[in-house]
Amino acid sequence: MATIERHHSNHRMSQIVTHGDMVYLAGQVAAPGDSVTEQTKGILEQIDTLLAEVGSDKEQILQAIIWLADMSDFAEMNAVWDAWVPQGHTPARACGGAPLATPEYKVEIIVTAVRR
């Protein structure tokens, strides 16, 4: 049976959980109050860093779930996403609107990936 590993954990959650070759990231948010563009860029940088830590990268993402505090920000977020996601390696993706943890958060992204 594959071992479950948890990274950057506290009493509530882990930022990364791995099980065998599967990689699960917690919902990532960026500096509150920044624009949707800046928050999305910050989140994607965090995702790159966290995936690299466990031997993965954005080409290995299987699924992305994106939450926007305001769906009118969809095009702005997509402009950053489209420039970041590697063509030929686009994951299954969903995007929905929901109130986030604080009103200053505009974007949250959750990914599931595999190790290289």
C-alpha atoms as a PDB file:
ATOM      1  CA  MET A   1       0.000   0.000   0.000  1.00  0.00           C
ATOM      2  CA  ALA A   2       1.314   3.467  -0.900  1.00  0.00           C
ATOM      3  CA  THR A   3       2.325   5.763   1.929  1.00  0.00           C
ATOM      4  CA  ILE A   4       0.459   9.004   2.521  1.00  0.00           C
ATOM      5  CA  GLU A   5       2.806  11.954   3.038  1.00  0.00           C
ATOM      6  CA  ARG A   6       1.720  15.373   4.284  1.00  0.00           C
ATOM      7  CA  HIS A   7       3.767  18.541   3.798  1.00  0.00           C
ATOM      8  CA  HIS A   8       3.427  22.005   5.342  1.00  0.00           C
ATOM      9  CA  SER A   9       0.802  20.756   7.789  1.00  0.00           C
ATOM     10  CA  ASN A  10      -0.850  22.425  10.730  1.00  0.00           C
ATOM     11  CA  HIS A  11      -3.764  21.530  12.984  1.00  0.00           C
ATOM     12  CA  ARG A  12      -6.259  22.231  10.170  1.00  0.00           C
ATOM     13  CA  MET A  13      -4.733  21.192   6.869  1.00  0.00           C
ATOM     14  CA  SER A  14      -1.737  20.237   4.749  1.00  0.00           C
ATOM     15  CA  GLN A  15      -0.623  22.265   1.741  1.00  0.00           C
ATOM     16  CA  ILE A  16       0.458  19.089  -0.077  1.00  0.00           C
ATOM     17  CA  VAL A  17      -0.665  15.497   0.350  1.00  0.00           C
ATOM     18  CA  THR A  18       0.889  12.706  -1.708  1.00  0.00           C
ATOM     19  CA  HIS A  19      -0.237   9.120  -2.048  1.00  0.00           C
ATOM     20  CA  GLY A  20       2.000   7.082  -4.298  1.00  0.00           C
ATOM     21  CA  ASP A  21       2.376   9.140  -7.474  1.00  0.00           C
ATOM     22  CA  MET A  22      -0.718  11.260  -6.773  1.00  0.00           C
ATOM     23  CA  VAL A  23      -0.260  14.865  -5.594  1.00  0.00           C
ATOM     24  CA  TYR A  24      -3.073  16.874  -4.019  1.00  0.00           C
ATOM     25  CA  LEU A  25      -2.653  20.570  -3.273  1.00  0.00           C
ATOM     26  CA  ALA A  26      -4.813  22.517  -0.851  1.00  0.00           C
ATOM     27  CA  GLY A  27      -6.680  25.489  -2.250  1.00  0.00           C
ATOM     28  CA  GLN A  28      -4.096  28.159  -3.037  1.00  0.00           C
ATOM     29  CA  VAL A  29      -4.742  31.865  -2.521  1.00  0.00           C
ATOM     30  CA  ALA A  30      -2.439  34.854  -2.955  1.00  0.00           C
ATOM     31  CA  ALA A  31      -1.939  38.204  -1.250  1.00  0.00           C
ATOM     32  CA  PRO A  32      -5.373  39.509  -0.322  1.00  0.00           C
ATOM     33  CA  GLY A  33      -6.442  42.739  -1.929  1.00  0.00           C
ATOM     34  CA  ASP A  34      -4.274  42.420  -5.051  1.00  0.00           C
ATOM     35  CA  SER A  35      -6.012  42.443  -8.447  1.00  0.00           C
ATOM     36  CA  VAL A  36      -7.391  39.238  -9.949  1.00  0.00           C
ATOM     37  CA  THR A  37      -4.422  39.248 -12.342  1.00  0.00           C
ATOM     38  CA  GLU A  38      -1.873  39.587  -9.525  1.00  0.00           C
ATOM     39  CA  GLN A  39      -3.628  37.052  -7.309  1.00  0.00           C
ATOM     40  CA  THR A  40      -3.795  34.524 -10.158  1.00  0.00           C
ATOM     41  CA  LYS A  41      -0.103  35.020 -10.984  1.00  0.00           C
ATOM     42  CA  GLY A  42       0.825  34.585  -7.323  1.00  0.00           C
ATOM     43  CA  ILE A  43      -1.261  31.436  -6.980  1.00  0.00           C
ATOM     44  CA  LEU A  44       0.242  29.877 -10.101  1.00  0.00           C
ATOM     45  CA  GLU A  45       3.750  30.627  -8.813  1.00  0.00           C
ATOM     46  CA  GLN A  46       2.833  28.902  -5.531  1.00  0.00           C
ATOM     47  CA  ILE A  47       1.488  25.903  -7.431  1.00  0.00           C
ATOM     48  CA  ASP A  48       4.745  25.671  -9.427  1.00  0.00           C
ATOM     49  CA  THR A  49       6.770  25.772  -6.197  1.00  0.00           C
ATOM     50  CA  LEU A  50       4.656  23.222  -4.325  1.00  0.00           C
ATOM     51  CA  LEU A  51       4.565  20.774  -7.228  1.00  0.00           C
ATOM     52  CA  ALA A  52       8.347  21.015  -7.696  1.00  0.00           C
ATOM     53  CA  GLU A  53       8.825  20.220  -4.012  1.00  0.00           C
ATOM     54  CA  VAL A  54       7.301  16.757  -4.520  1.00  0.00           C
ATOM     55  CA  GLY A  55       8.711  15.983  -7.963  1.00  0.00           C
ATOM     56  CA  SER A  56       5.938  17.257 -10.201  1.00  0.00           C
ATOM     57  CA  ASP A  57       5.189  20.246 -12.420  1.00  0.00           C
ATOM     58  CA  LYS A  58       2.352  21.951 -14.266  1.00  0.00           C
ATOM     59  CA  GLU A  59       2.558  19.474 -17.165  1.00  0.00           C
ATOM     60  CA  GLN A  60       1.522  16.755 -14.691  1.00  0.00           C
ATOM     61  CA  ILE A  61      -1.675  18.462 -13.481  1.00  0.00           C
ATOM     62  CA  LEU A  62      -4.683  16.217 -13.998  1.00  0.00           C
ATOM     63  CA  GLN A  63      -7.399  18.502 -12.669  1.00  0.00           C
ATOM     64  CA  ALA A  64      -7.779  22.129 -11.617  1.00  0.00           C
ATOM     65  CA  ILE A  65     -10.702  23.595  -9.713  1.00  0.00           C
ATOM     66  CA  ILE A  66     -10.867  27.371  -9.716  1.00  0.00           C
ATOM     67  CA  TRP A  67     -13.077  29.451  -7.458  1.00  0.00           C
ATOM     68  CA  LEU A  68     -13.728  33.115  -8.201  1.00  0.00           C
ATOM     69  CA  ALA A  69     -15.347  35.446  -5.698  1.00  0.00           C
ATOM     70  CA  ASP A  70     -16.952  37.220  -8.660  1.00  0.00           C
ATOM     71  CA  MET A  71     -17.574  35.413 -11.956  1.00  0.00           C
ATOM     72  CA  SER A  72     -17.243  38.727 -13.800  1.00  0.00           C
ATOM     73  CA  ASP A  73     -13.470  38.217 -13.233  1.00  0.00           C
ATOM     74  CA  PHE A  74     -13.488  35.040 -15.380  1.00  0.00           C
ATOM     75  CA  ALA A  75     -11.818  36.617 -18.440  1.00  0.00           C
ATOM     76  CA  GLU A  76      -9.158  38.389 -16.349  1.00  0.00           C
ATOM     77  CA  MET A  77      -8.238  35.160 -14.551  1.00  0.00           C
ATOM     78  CA  ASN A  78      -8.256  33.196 -17.820  1.00  0.00           C
ATOM     79  CA  ALA A  79      -5.801  35.626 -19.436  1.00  0.00           C
ATOM     80  CA  VAL A  80      -3.227  34.700 -16.777  1.00  0.00           C
ATOM     81  CA  TRP A  81      -4.158  30.993 -16.756  1.00  0.00           C
ATOM     82  CA  ASP A  82      -3.922  30.693 -20.555  1.00  0.00           C
ATOM     83  CA  ALA A  83      -0.419  32.206 -20.571  1.00  0.00           C
ATOM     84  CA  TRP A  84       0.704  29.779 -17.818  1.00  0.00           C
ATOM     85  CA  VAL A  85      -0.840  26.429 -18.711  1.00  0.00           C
ATOM     86  CA  PRO A  86       1.348  24.403 -21.113  1.00  0.00           C
ATOM     87  CA  GLN A  87      -0.353  23.757 -24.445  1.00  0.00           C
ATOM     88  CA  GLY A  88      -0.842  20.042 -24.977  1.00  0.00           C
ATOM     89  CA  HIS A  89      -0.955  19.527 -21.193  1.00  0.00           C
ATOM     90  CA  THR A  90      -4.175  21.305 -20.261  1.00  0.00           C
ATOM     91  CA  PRO A  91      -5.880  19.603 -17.297  1.00  0.00           C
ATOM     92  CA  ALA A  92      -9.525  18.837 -16.762  1.00  0.00           C
ATOM     93  CA  ARG A  93     -10.820  22.069 -15.249  1.00  0.00           C
ATOM     94  CA  ALA A  94     -13.836  23.565 -13.544  1.00  0.00           C
ATOM     95  CA  CYS A  95     -14.412  27.179 -12.552  1.00  0.00           C
ATOM     96  CA  GLY A  96     -17.180  28.395 -10.316  1.00  0.00           C
ATOM     97  CA  GLY A  97     -18.178  31.374  -8.244  1.00  0.00           C
ATOM     98  CA  ALA A  98     -18.246  31.271  -4.452  1.00  0.00           C
ATOM     99  CA  PRO A  99     -17.570  33.515  -1.479  1.00  0.00           C
ATOM    100  CA  LEU A 100     -13.949  32.878  -0.443  1.00  0.00           C
ATOM    101  CA  ALA A 101     -12.425  32.866   3.061  1.00  0.00           C
ATOM    102  CA  THR A 102     -12.174  36.662   3.184  1.00  0.00           C
ATOM    103  CA  PRO A 103     -13.591  39.329   0.864  1.00  0.00           C
ATOM    104  CA  GLU A 104     -10.022  40.317  -0.105  1.00  0.00           C
ATOM    105  CA  TYR A 105      -9.453  36.925  -1.771  1.00  0.00           C
ATOM    106  CA  LYS A 106     -10.630  36.976  -5.362  1.00  0.00           C
ATOM    107  CA  VAL A 107      -9.262  33.637  -6.664  1.00  0.00           C
ATOM    108  CA  GLU A 108      -8.576  30.191  -5.186  1.00  0.00           C
ATOM    109  CA  ILE A 109      -7.141  27.280  -7.172  1.00  0.00           C
ATOM    110  CA  ILE A 110      -6.991  23.602  -6.201  1.00  0.00           C
ATOM    111  CA  VAL A 111      -4.989  21.090  -8.261  1.00  0.00           C
ATOM    112  CA  THR A 112      -4.479  17.354  -8.425  1.00  0.00           C
ATOM    113  CA  ALA A 113      -1.386  16.121 -10.235  1.00  0.00           C
ATOM    114  CA  VAL A 114       0.949  13.158 -10.569  1.00  0.00           C
ATOM    115  CA  ARG A 115       4.676  13.005  -9.955  1.00  0.00           C
ATOM    116  CA  ARG A 116       7.002  12.981 -12.966  1.00  0.00           C
END
